[in-house]
């Protein structure tokens, strides 16, 4: 990897359940809702100098994941993070958010 290129980490999240699954991306608090059988990809970019994944207590952990009933929270520890579908199309905050 060239010295000026940021390291990239990707985490695939698949909804294997039968209901909508809420994926929250921290530290932004953005919510993205997956249909049953759907997969999203969380991307984060590390730093080229200093601690690669600055948001974590360990230097080699680009993500921390918390799971609760019907919800997954991904803490992305890079400089910039976002969510896409498996084809790389960005998924906006509030995607499929239930109305109630």
Protein backbone atom coordinates (compact mmCIF):
# COMPACT_ATOMS: atom_id res chain seq x y z
CA UNK A 1 0.00 0.00 0.00
CA UNK A 2 1.46 3.38 -0.94
CA UNK A 3 2.29 5.63 2.02
CA UNK A 4 -0.30 8.26 1.00
CA UNK A 5 -3.17 5.77 0.62
CA UNK A 6 -5.58 5.37 3.53
CA UNK A 7 -6.19 1.84 4.81
CA UNK A 8 -9.77 0.64 4.27
CA UNK A 9 -11.82 -1.79 6.35
CA UNK A 10 -15.19 -3.25 5.37
CA UNK A 11 -17.76 -5.06 7.51
CA UNK A 12 -20.65 -6.94 5.90
CA UNK A 13 -23.93 -6.96 7.88
CA UNK A 14 -26.62 -9.40 6.73
CA UNK A 15 -30.17 -9.59 8.04
CA UNK A 16 -30.82 -13.33 8.46
CA UNK A 17 -34.02 -12.66 10.42
CA UNK A 18 -37.63 -12.30 9.33
CA UNK A 19 -38.16 -8.63 10.39
CA UNK A 20 -36.52 -5.31 9.56
CA UNK A 21 -33.11 -4.95 11.20
CA UNK A 22 -31.84 -1.55 12.31
CA UNK A 23 -28.16 -0.86 11.64
CA UNK A 24 -26.86 2.22 13.47
CA UNK A 25 -23.48 3.63 12.48
CA UNK A 26 -21.61 5.42 15.26
CA UNK A 27 -20.23 7.97 15.98
CA UNK A 28 -22.71 9.55 13.52
CA UNK A 29 -25.91 7.98 14.88
CA UNK A 30 -27.14 7.29 11.33
CA UNK A 31 -29.76 4.56 10.99
CA UNK A 32 -30.12 2.20 8.03
CA UNK A 33 -32.79 -0.52 7.93
CA UNK A 34 -32.21 -3.91 6.28
CA UNK A 35 -34.93 -6.11 4.85
CA UNK A 36 -34.79 -9.85 5.62
CA UNK A 37 -32.04 -11.40 3.47
CA UNK A 38 -30.47 -8.01 2.66
CA UNK A 39 -26.77 -7.22 3.16
CA UNK A 40 -25.15 -3.83 3.74
CA UNK A 41 -21.43 -3.03 3.95
CA UNK A 42 -19.96 -0.63 6.51
CA UNK A 43 -16.78 1.10 5.31
CA UNK A 44 -14.22 2.98 7.37
CA UNK A 45 -10.94 4.57 6.41
CA UNK A 46 -7.96 4.50 8.76
CA UNK A 47 -5.19 7.01 9.22
CA UNK A 48 -1.83 6.61 7.46
CA UNK A 49 0.13 8.00 10.41
CA UNK A 50 -0.23 7.54 14.14
CA UNK A 51 -2.92 5.10 15.26
CA UNK A 52 -4.56 3.59 12.19
CA UNK A 53 -7.96 3.13 13.89
CA UNK A 54 -8.05 6.02 16.35
CA UNK A 55 -11.48 5.40 17.91
CA UNK A 56 -10.55 2.13 19.60
CA UNK A 57 -8.51 1.14 22.62
CA UNK A 58 -6.55 -1.36 20.50
CA UNK A 59 -4.68 -0.39 17.34
CA UNK A 60 -5.97 -3.18 15.12
CA UNK A 61 -9.76 -2.90 15.56
CA UNK A 62 -11.49 -0.90 12.84
CA UNK A 63 -14.96 -1.85 14.17
CA UNK A 64 -16.75 -2.62 17.41
CA UNK A 65 -20.19 -4.25 17.10
CA UNK A 66 -23.06 -4.32 19.60
CA UNK A 67 -26.13 -6.47 19.00
CA UNK A 68 -29.56 -6.08 20.58
CA UNK A 69 -33.01 -7.33 19.74
CA UNK A 70 -33.72 -6.12 16.19
CA UNK A 71 -30.73 -3.79 16.10
CA UNK A 72 -27.00 -3.77 15.44
CA UNK A 73 -24.75 -0.84 16.31
CA UNK A 74 -21.42 -0.59 14.51
CA UNK A 75 -18.80 1.74 15.97
CA UNK A 76 -16.46 2.58 13.09
CA UNK A 77 -13.04 3.68 14.32
CA UNK A 78 -11.63 5.33 11.21
CA UNK A 79 -11.52 8.90 9.98
CA UNK A 80 -14.61 8.58 7.76
CA UNK A 81 -17.29 5.88 7.64
CA UNK A 82 -20.39 5.13 5.60
CA UNK A 83 -22.83 2.36 4.62
CA UNK A 84 -23.36 0.88 1.12
CA UNK A 85 -25.19 -1.99 -0.48
CA UNK A 86 -23.09 -4.92 -1.76
CA UNK A 87 -22.62 -3.13 -5.10
CA UNK A 88 -21.05 -0.08 -3.43
CA UNK A 89 -24.05 2.27 -3.68
CA UNK A 90 -24.21 4.50 -0.60
CA UNK A 91 -27.20 3.94 1.70
CA UNK A 92 -28.50 7.21 3.17
CA UNK A 93 -29.40 7.77 6.82
CA UNK A 94 -33.04 6.84 7.45
CA UNK A 95 -33.15 4.28 4.63
CA UNK A 96 -36.39 2.28 5.17
CA UNK A 97 -36.90 3.79 8.62
CA UNK A 98 -40.37 2.76 9.90
CA UNK A 99 -42.87 5.64 10.04
CA UNK A 100 -43.91 5.04 13.66
